[in-house]
Amino acid sequence: MQSTSALSRRGWWGTLWNQLKPEVPTDAETGSVALFHGALWSRALQGHEGLSLTCVEGQLWLTFESDPRDYILEPGSTVRLAKPGLVVVQALRPSRFRLAKVGSAMDTR
């Protein structure tokens, strides 16, 4: 028989492990990424990639070198990234976002 503290510890470690292992995109340009609270994700874009970043769950802060604005993304919010520069995303709470190939305009929805 296991003690309650051992079960709590095991549950805590399992939760921590699941939060620390981001879902890595299956290829370099598209896929789903999960971030735990406070975690950062970044990528240097060449400009010809034409990516959109959509918040699926949680809340994200996004800054993009080619754009003077910063963005707070809620579930369903999308930012299109089509210019060269560094994009940095931070999870303001446990979050998940999706990257997808798109056309060449940069805007938010």
N, C-alpha and C. Protein backbone atom coordinates (compact mmCIF):
# COMPACT_ATOMS: atom_id res chain seq x y z
N MET A 1 0.83 -1.18 0.00
CA MET A 1 0.00 0.00 0.00
C MET A 1 0.88 1.24 0.00
N GLN A 2 0.57 2.20 -0.86
CA GLN A 2 1.36 3.42 -0.96
C GLN A 2 0.73 4.52 -0.12
N SER A 3 1.60 5.36 0.40
CA SER A 3 1.09 6.47 1.19
C SER A 3 0.53 7.56 0.28
N THR A 4 -0.30 8.40 0.86
CA THR A 4 -0.90 9.50 0.10
C THR A 4 0.16 10.46 -0.42
N SER A 5 1.21 10.72 0.38
CA SER A 5 2.26 11.65 -0.07
C SER A 5 3.04 11.06 -1.24
N ALA A 6 3.24 9.74 -1.27
CA ALA A 6 3.93 9.12 -2.40
C ALA A 6 3.09 9.24 -3.66
N LEU A 7 1.77 9.06 -3.54
CA LEU A 7 0.89 9.21 -4.69
C LEU A 7 0.86 10.65 -5.16
N SER A 8 0.82 11.58 -4.22
CA SER A 8 0.82 13.00 -4.58
C SER A 8 2.11 13.37 -5.29
N ARG A 9 3.22 12.88 -4.77
CA ARG A 9 4.52 13.16 -5.38
C ARG A 9 4.57 12.59 -6.81
N ARG A 10 4.09 11.36 -6.98
CA ARG A 10 4.10 10.73 -8.30
C ARG A 10 3.20 11.52 -9.25
N GLY A 11 2.03 11.93 -8.79
CA GLY A 11 1.13 12.72 -9.62
C GLY A 11 1.76 14.06 -9.99
N TRP A 12 2.44 14.68 -9.03
CA TRP A 12 3.11 15.96 -9.26
C TRP A 12 4.20 15.81 -10.31
N TRP A 13 5.04 14.78 -10.18
CA TRP A 13 6.11 14.55 -11.15
C TRP A 13 5.55 14.25 -12.54
N GLY A 14 4.49 13.47 -12.59
CA GLY A 14 3.87 13.17 -13.88
C GLY A 14 3.35 14.42 -14.56
N THR A 15 2.70 15.28 -13.78
CA THR A 15 2.20 16.54 -14.32
C THR A 15 3.35 17.41 -14.79
N LEU A 16 4.39 17.52 -13.97
CA LEU A 16 5.56 18.32 -14.34
C LEU A 16 6.19 17.78 -15.62
N TRP A 17 6.37 16.48 -15.71
CA TRP A 17 6.97 15.88 -16.91
C TRP A 17 6.13 16.20 -18.15
N ASN A 18 4.82 16.07 -18.05
CA ASN A 18 3.95 16.35 -19.19
C ASN A 18 4.02 17.81 -19.60
N GLN A 19 4.24 18.72 -18.66
CA GLN A 19 4.34 20.14 -18.98
C GLN A 19 5.71 20.50 -19.56
N LEU A 20 6.75 19.78 -19.16
CA LEU A 20 8.11 20.11 -19.61
C LEU A 20 8.45 19.58 -20.98
N LYS A 21 7.76 18.59 -21.46
CA LYS A 21 8.08 18.01 -22.76
C LYS A 21 7.15 18.60 -23.83
N PRO A 22 7.61 19.63 -24.53
CA PRO A 22 6.76 20.23 -25.55
C PRO A 22 6.54 19.26 -26.70
N GLU A 23 5.38 19.40 -27.33
CA GLU A 23 5.10 18.63 -28.54
C GLU A 23 5.90 19.27 -29.66
N VAL A 24 6.91 18.60 -30.15
CA VAL A 24 7.75 19.14 -31.19
C VAL A 24 7.07 18.94 -32.53
N PRO A 25 7.03 19.98 -33.38
CA PRO A 25 6.39 19.82 -34.68
C PRO A 25 7.00 18.65 -35.45
N THR A 26 6.19 17.97 -36.24
CA THR A 26 6.67 16.82 -36.99
C THR A 26 7.61 17.23 -38.10
N ASP A 27 7.46 18.44 -38.64
CA ASP A 27 8.46 18.95 -39.56
C ASP A 27 8.82 20.35 -39.11
N ALA A 28 9.79 20.96 -39.74
CA ALA A 28 10.33 22.23 -39.27
C ALA A 28 9.37 23.39 -39.41
N GLU A 29 8.33 23.28 -40.23
CA GLU A 29 7.50 24.44 -40.51
C GLU A 29 6.08 24.37 -39.98
N THR A 30 5.58 23.21 -39.67
CA THR A 30 4.20 23.13 -39.20
C THR A 30 4.10 22.17 -38.03
N GLY A 31 3.00 22.26 -37.32
CA GLY A 31 2.77 21.33 -36.22
C GLY A 31 2.20 22.04 -35.01
N SER A 32 2.12 21.30 -33.93
CA SER A 32 1.56 21.79 -32.68
C SER A 32 2.68 21.85 -31.64
N VAL A 33 2.67 22.91 -30.84
CA VAL A 33 3.67 23.08 -29.80
C VAL A 33 2.95 23.35 -28.49
N ALA A 34 3.30 22.62 -27.43
CA ALA A 34 2.75 22.83 -26.11
C ALA A 34 3.82 23.46 -25.23
N LEU A 35 3.43 24.46 -24.45
CA LEU A 35 4.36 25.15 -23.55
C LEU A 35 3.77 25.20 -22.15
N PHE A 36 4.60 24.96 -21.15
CA PHE A 36 4.15 25.14 -19.78
C PHE A 36 4.24 26.62 -19.42
N HIS A 37 3.61 27.01 -18.34
CA HIS A 37 3.56 28.41 -17.91
C HIS A 37 4.98 28.98 -17.81
N GLY A 38 5.22 30.07 -18.50
CA GLY A 38 6.51 30.75 -18.47
C GLY A 38 7.50 30.29 -19.53
N ALA A 39 7.23 29.18 -20.19
CA ALA A 39 8.17 28.64 -21.18
C ALA A 39 8.23 29.52 -22.42
N LEU A 40 9.39 29.52 -23.06
CA LEU A 40 9.62 30.30 -24.27
C LEU A 40 9.83 29.38 -25.47
N TRP A 41 9.42 29.87 -26.64
CA TRP A 41 9.68 29.21 -27.92
C TRP A 41 10.11 30.31 -28.87
N SER A 42 11.11 30.05 -29.69
CA SER A 42 11.53 31.07 -30.66
C SER A 42 11.99 30.40 -31.95
N ARG A 43 11.97 31.22 -32.99
CA ARG A 43 12.41 30.73 -34.29
C ARG A 43 12.82 31.93 -35.15
N ALA A 44 13.92 31.79 -35.86
CA ALA A 44 14.34 32.81 -36.82
C ALA A 44 13.69 32.48 -38.16
N LEU A 45 12.89 33.41 -38.66
CA LEU A 45 12.19 33.21 -39.93
C LEU A 45 12.98 33.88 -41.05
N GLN A 46 12.99 33.23 -42.19
CA GLN A 46 13.72 33.76 -43.34
C GLN A 46 12.85 34.71 -44.17
N GLY A 47 11.53 34.64 -44.01
CA GLY A 47 10.63 35.53 -44.73
C GLY A 47 9.90 34.87 -45.88
N HIS A 48 10.44 33.82 -46.43
CA HIS A 48 9.79 33.12 -47.53
C HIS A 48 8.91 31.98 -47.03
N GLU A 49 8.93 31.74 -45.70
CA GLU A 49 8.23 30.59 -45.13
C GLU A 49 6.71 30.77 -45.08
N GLY A 50 6.24 31.98 -44.83
CA GLY A 50 4.81 32.23 -44.75
C GLY A 50 4.11 31.35 -43.74
N LEU A 51 4.27 31.62 -42.46
CA LEU A 51 3.67 30.81 -41.40
C LEU A 51 2.58 31.59 -40.68
N SER A 52 1.59 30.87 -40.18
CA SER A 52 0.64 31.46 -39.25
C SER A 52 0.79 30.73 -37.92
N LEU A 53 0.64 31.46 -36.84
CA LEU A 53 0.72 30.91 -35.51
C LEU A 53 -0.64 31.14 -34.86
N THR A 54 -1.32 30.07 -34.47
CA THR A 54 -2.66 30.15 -33.88
C THR A 54 -2.63 29.60 -32.46
N CYS A 55 -3.10 30.39 -31.52
CA CYS A 55 -3.24 29.92 -30.13
C CYS A 55 -4.41 28.95 -30.08
N VAL A 56 -4.15 27.75 -29.59
CA VAL A 56 -5.18 26.72 -29.50
C VAL A 56 -5.77 26.69 -28.09
N GLU A 57 -4.91 26.84 -27.08
CA GLU A 57 -5.39 26.90 -25.70
C GLU A 57 -4.40 27.69 -24.86
N GLY A 58 -4.87 28.25 -23.76
CA GLY A 58 -4.02 29.03 -22.87
C GLY A 58 -3.98 30.49 -23.28
N GLN A 59 -2.83 31.11 -23.02
CA GLN A 59 -2.62 32.52 -23.38
C GLN A 59 -1.14 32.70 -23.69
N LEU A 60 -0.86 33.35 -24.82
CA LEU A 60 0.51 33.52 -25.29
C LEU A 60 0.85 35.00 -25.46
N TRP A 61 2.09 35.34 -25.20
CA TRP A 61 2.64 36.65 -25.55
C TRP A 61 3.57 36.40 -26.73
N LEU A 62 3.44 37.20 -27.79
CA LEU A 62 4.25 37.02 -28.98
C LEU A 62 4.88 38.35 -29.36
N THR A 63 6.15 38.32 -29.66
CA THR A 63 6.83 39.48 -30.21
C THR A 63 7.58 39.02 -31.45
N PHE A 64 7.63 39.90 -32.45
CA PHE A 64 8.22 39.56 -33.73
C PHE A 64 9.14 40.71 -34.15
N GLU A 65 10.37 40.39 -34.46
CA GLU A 65 11.38 41.38 -34.80
C GLU A 65 10.94 42.32 -35.92
N SER A 66 10.17 41.83 -36.86
CA SER A 66 9.74 42.63 -38.01
C SER A 66 8.46 43.43 -37.75
N ASP A 67 7.96 43.41 -36.52
CA ASP A 67 6.72 44.10 -36.18
C ASP A 67 6.92 44.86 -34.86
N PRO A 68 6.65 46.16 -34.82
CA PRO A 68 6.88 46.92 -33.58
C PRO A 68 5.87 46.58 -32.47
N ARG A 69 4.77 45.88 -32.82
CA ARG A 69 3.76 45.54 -31.82
C ARG A 69 4.08 44.21 -31.14
N ASP A 70 3.56 44.05 -29.93
CA ASP A 70 3.54 42.77 -29.24
C ASP A 70 2.09 42.30 -29.24
N TYR A 71 1.89 41.00 -29.11
CA TYR A 71 0.55 40.43 -29.17
C TYR A 71 0.29 39.55 -27.96
N ILE A 72 -0.92 39.61 -27.44
CA ILE A 72 -1.41 38.65 -26.46
C ILE A 72 -2.44 37.82 -27.22
N LEU A 73 -2.18 36.51 -27.32
CA LEU A 73 -3.05 35.63 -28.07
C LEU A 73 -3.88 34.76 -27.13
N GLU A 74 -5.16 34.75 -27.37
CA GLU A 74 -6.12 33.89 -26.67
C GLU A 74 -6.48 32.76 -27.63
N PRO A 75 -7.13 31.71 -27.16
CA PRO A 75 -7.54 30.63 -28.07
C PRO A 75 -8.32 31.16 -29.27
N GLY A 76 -7.90 30.74 -30.46
CA GLY A 76 -8.52 31.17 -31.70
C GLY A 76 -7.83 32.35 -32.38
N SER A 77 -6.96 33.07 -31.64
CA SER A 77 -6.23 34.20 -32.23
C SER A 77 -5.10 33.69 -33.10
N THR A 78 -4.91 34.36 -34.26
CA THR A 78 -3.87 33.97 -35.20
C THR A 78 -3.03 35.18 -35.59
N VAL A 79 -1.72 34.96 -35.70
CA VAL A 79 -0.80 35.97 -36.23
C VAL A 79 -0.12 35.34 -37.43
N ARG A 80 -0.11 36.06 -38.54
CA ARG A 80 0.60 35.59 -39.73
C ARG A 80 1.99 36.19 -39.74
N LEU A 81 2.98 35.36 -40.01
CA LEU A 81 4.40 35.75 -39.97
C LEU A 81 5.00 35.48 -41.35
N ALA A 82 5.23 36.55 -42.11
CA ALA A 82 5.71 36.34 -43.48
C ALA A 82 6.98 37.12 -43.78
N LYS A 83 7.48 37.91 -42.83
CA LYS A 83 8.69 38.69 -43.05
C LYS A 83 9.85 38.03 -42.30
N PRO A 84 11.08 38.33 -42.70
CA PRO A 84 12.22 37.77 -41.97
C PRO A 84 12.32 38.38 -40.58
N GLY A 85 12.81 37.60 -39.64
CA GLY A 85 13.02 38.08 -38.28
C GLY A 85 12.81 37.01 -37.25
N LEU A 86 13.16 37.34 -36.03
CA LEU A 86 13.03 36.41 -34.92
C LEU A 86 11.65 36.55 -34.30
N VAL A 87 10.95 35.45 -34.12
CA VAL A 87 9.67 35.44 -33.42
C VAL A 87 9.90 34.74 -32.07
N VAL A 88 9.37 35.34 -31.01
CA VAL A 88 9.49 34.78 -29.66
C VAL A 88 8.09 34.68 -29.08
N VAL A 89 7.78 33.51 -28.52
CA VAL A 89 6.48 33.25 -27.90
C VAL A 89 6.73 32.80 -26.47
N GLN A 90 5.95 33.37 -25.54
CA GLN A 90 6.02 32.94 -24.14
C GLN A 90 4.61 32.58 -23.68
N ALA A 91 4.51 31.47 -22.95
CA ALA A 91 3.22 31.04 -22.42
C ALA A 91 2.93 31.80 -21.13
N LEU A 92 1.83 32.54 -21.11
CA LEU A 92 1.42 33.26 -19.91
C LEU A 92 0.66 32.35 -18.96
N ARG A 93 0.27 31.18 -19.45
CA ARG A 93 -0.30 30.08 -18.67
C ARG A 93 -0.05 28.83 -19.52
N PRO A 94 -0.24 27.64 -19.03
CA PRO A 94 -0.02 26.46 -19.88
C PRO A 94 -0.80 26.63 -21.19
N SER A 95 -0.10 26.45 -22.31
CA SER A 95 -0.68 26.80 -23.62
C SER A 95 -0.26 25.82 -24.69
N ARG A 96 -1.01 25.91 -25.79
CA ARG A 96 -0.67 25.14 -26.98
C ARG A 96 -0.97 26.02 -28.18
N PHE A 97 -0.05 25.99 -29.17
CA PHE A 97 -0.28 26.73 -30.40
C PHE A 97 0.04 25.86 -31.60
N ARG A 98 -0.49 26.28 -32.75
CA ARG A 98 -0.31 25.54 -33.99
C ARG A 98 0.38 26.43 -35.01
N LEU A 99 1.34 25.86 -35.72
CA LEU A 99 2.01 26.53 -36.84
C LEU A 99 1.50 25.93 -38.13
N ALA A 100 1.24 26.79 -39.12
CA ALA A 100 0.78 26.30 -40.42
C ALA A 100 1.34 27.19 -41.52
N LYS A 101 1.54 26.61 -42.69
CA LYS A 101 2.00 27.38 -43.85
C LYS A 101 0.82 28.20 -44.39
N VAL A 102 1.11 29.46 -44.78
CA VAL A 102 0.10 30.35 -45.34
C VAL A 102 0.71 31.19 -46.45
N GLY A 103 -0.11 32.14 -46.96
CA GLY A 103 0.36 33.08 -47.99
C GLY A 103 1.37 34.06 -47.43
N SER A 104 1.54 35.20 -48.09
CA SER A 104 2.62 36.10 -47.75
C SER A 104 2.24 37.35 -46.97
N ALA A 105 0.98 37.54 -46.57
CA ALA A 105 0.60 38.74 -45.82
C ALA A 105 0.79 38.52 -44.32
N MET A 106 1.09 39.61 -43.60
CA MET A 106 1.23 39.51 -42.15
C MET A 106 0.12 40.32 -41.51
N ASP A 107 -0.74 39.66 -40.73
CA ASP A 107 -1.80 40.34 -40.02
C ASP A 107 -2.27 39.48 -38.87
N THR A 108 -3.23 39.98 -38.10
CA THR A 108 -3.80 39.20 -37.01
C THR A 108 -5.29 39.10 -37.23
N ARG A 109 -5.85 38.03 -36.69
CA ARG A 109 -7.31 37.84 -36.71
C ARG A 109 -7.80 37.78 -35.31
